[in-house]
Amino acid sequence: MEVIDRYIYTVVQKLPQQQRAEIEMELRGLIEDMLEERVHGGGNPPEQVKEVLLELGDPRDLAAKYRGYQKYLISPELFYPYISVLKLVMFALFIAITVVYVVESI
């Protein structure tokens, strides 16, 4: 089906060249299996294709899962040190503002 081919093409284009063929076959098999399960329940095949693709989600997100790439503003390894530094900076800023306020009020 053209819709499935376009979906798979979009996913595969976001992957490294050496992984494309293998993941394309895997993804095509996954979609076929999901469609087979839905066909046994009856219904409209084009509508079932749409449901399966919606269930799989955005092709860019699916490609990111296959790549193992996660988007982080702060990596998990650095999150707790970042929070500690942030607390320290906020405390120092609070002290500095308090000192300035006290000096100006004298």
Protein backbone atom coordinates (compact mmCIF):
# COMPACT_ATOMS: atom_id res chain seq x y z
CA MET A 1 0.00 0.00 0.00
CA GLU A 2 1.22 3.44 -0.86
CA VAL A 3 0.52 4.92 2.58
CA ILE A 4 2.59 2.23 4.29
CA ASP A 5 5.42 2.67 1.78
CA ARG A 6 5.49 6.43 2.36
CA TYR A 7 5.49 5.94 6.14
CA ILE A 8 8.35 3.44 5.99
CA TYR A 9 10.27 5.67 3.56
CA THR A 10 9.94 8.61 5.95
CA VAL A 11 11.21 6.53 8.88
CA VAL A 12 14.09 5.01 6.92
CA GLN A 13 15.33 8.36 5.57
CA LYS A 14 16.05 9.48 9.14
CA LEU A 15 18.30 6.46 9.81
CA PRO A 16 21.98 5.81 9.06
CA GLN A 17 22.57 4.21 5.65
CA GLN A 18 23.87 0.89 7.03
CA GLN A 19 20.71 0.33 9.13
CA ARG A 20 18.09 1.25 6.54
CA ALA A 21 17.51 -2.09 4.79
CA GLU A 22 17.28 -4.13 7.97
CA ILE A 23 14.98 -1.71 9.76
CA GLU A 24 12.80 -1.32 6.66
CA MET A 25 12.19 -5.08 6.61
CA GLU A 26 11.59 -5.16 10.36
CA LEU A 27 9.16 -2.24 10.22
CA ARG A 28 7.31 -3.69 7.23
CA GLY A 29 6.93 -6.98 9.14
CA LEU A 30 5.72 -5.17 12.25
CA ILE A 31 3.08 -3.27 10.29
CA GLU A 32 1.94 -6.45 8.52
CA ASP A 33 1.63 -8.28 11.86
CA MET A 34 -0.35 -5.43 13.38
CA LEU A 35 -2.66 -5.36 10.34
CA GLU A 36 -3.15 -9.14 10.50
CA GLU A 37 -4.28 -8.89 14.11
CA ARG A 38 -6.78 -6.19 13.19
CA VAL A 39 -8.11 -8.04 10.12
CA HIS A 40 -9.30 -10.90 12.33
CA GLY A 41 -11.51 -8.41 14.15
CA GLY A 42 -13.10 -7.30 10.89
CA GLY A 43 -13.45 -3.75 9.68
CA ASN A 44 -12.33 -1.54 6.84
CA PRO A 45 -8.71 -2.32 5.74
CA PRO A 46 -7.79 1.28 4.75
CA GLU A 47 -9.10 2.46 8.11
CA GLN A 48 -7.08 -0.25 9.86
CA VAL A 49 -3.92 0.87 8.07
CA LYS A 50 -4.54 4.39 9.29
CA GLU A 51 -5.07 3.13 12.87
CA VAL A 52 -1.86 1.07 12.79
CA LEU A 53 0.22 3.98 11.51
CA LEU A 54 -1.29 6.31 14.10
CA GLU A 55 -0.48 3.75 16.78
CA LEU A 56 3.15 3.63 15.64
CA GLY A 57 3.32 7.42 15.88
CA ASP A 58 5.29 10.12 14.12
CA PRO A 59 7.87 8.65 11.70
CA ARG A 60 10.58 10.98 13.04
CA ASP A 61 9.97 9.78 16.60
CA LEU A 62 10.01 6.15 15.49
CA ALA A 63 13.29 6.70 13.63
CA ALA A 64 14.77 8.28 16.76
CA LYS A 65 13.78 5.18 18.75
CA TYR A 66 15.48 2.92 16.21
CA ARG A 67 18.61 5.08 16.32
CA GLY A 68 18.57 5.08 20.10
CA TYR A 69 18.78 8.86 20.02
CA GLN A 70 17.06 10.79 22.76
CA LYS A 71 16.62 14.52 22.88
CA TYR A 72 17.73 15.96 26.19
CA LEU A 73 18.28 19.53 27.17
CA ILE A 74 20.47 18.21 29.98
CA SER A 75 21.73 14.64 29.77
CA PRO A 76 20.66 12.22 32.51
CA GLU A 77 24.27 11.85 33.68
CA LEU A 78 24.58 15.59 34.28
CA PHE A 79 21.09 16.31 35.59
CA TYR A 80 21.77 16.00 39.34
CA PRO A 81 25.07 17.92 39.25
CA TYR A 82 23.26 20.58 37.21
CA ILE A 83 20.53 20.85 39.86
CA SER A 84 23.19 21.15 42.59
CA VAL A 85 24.98 23.95 40.75
CA LEU A 86 21.67 25.65 40.03
CA LYS A 87 20.76 25.58 43.74
CA LEU A 88 24.18 26.98 44.65
CA VAL A 89 23.86 29.81 42.11
CA MET A 90 20.34 30.64 43.29
CA PHE A 91 21.51 30.72 46.91
CA ALA A 92 24.47 32.96 46.00
CA LEU A 93 22.15 35.25 44.04
CA PHE A 94 19.78 35.45 47.01
CA ILE A 95 22.66 36.36 49.33
CA ALA A 96 23.97 38.99 46.89
CA ILE A 97 20.54 40.62 46.50
CA THR A 98 20.05 40.59 50.28
CA VAL A 99 23.45 42.23 50.86
CA VAL A 100 22.72 44.90 48.24
CA TYR A 101 19.33 45.61 49.82
CA VAL A 102 20.82 45.88 53.32
CA VAL A 103 23.66 48.16 52.14
CA GLU A 104 21.24 50.45 50.26
CA SER A 105 18.89 50.72 53.23
CA ILE A 106 21.68 51.91 55.57
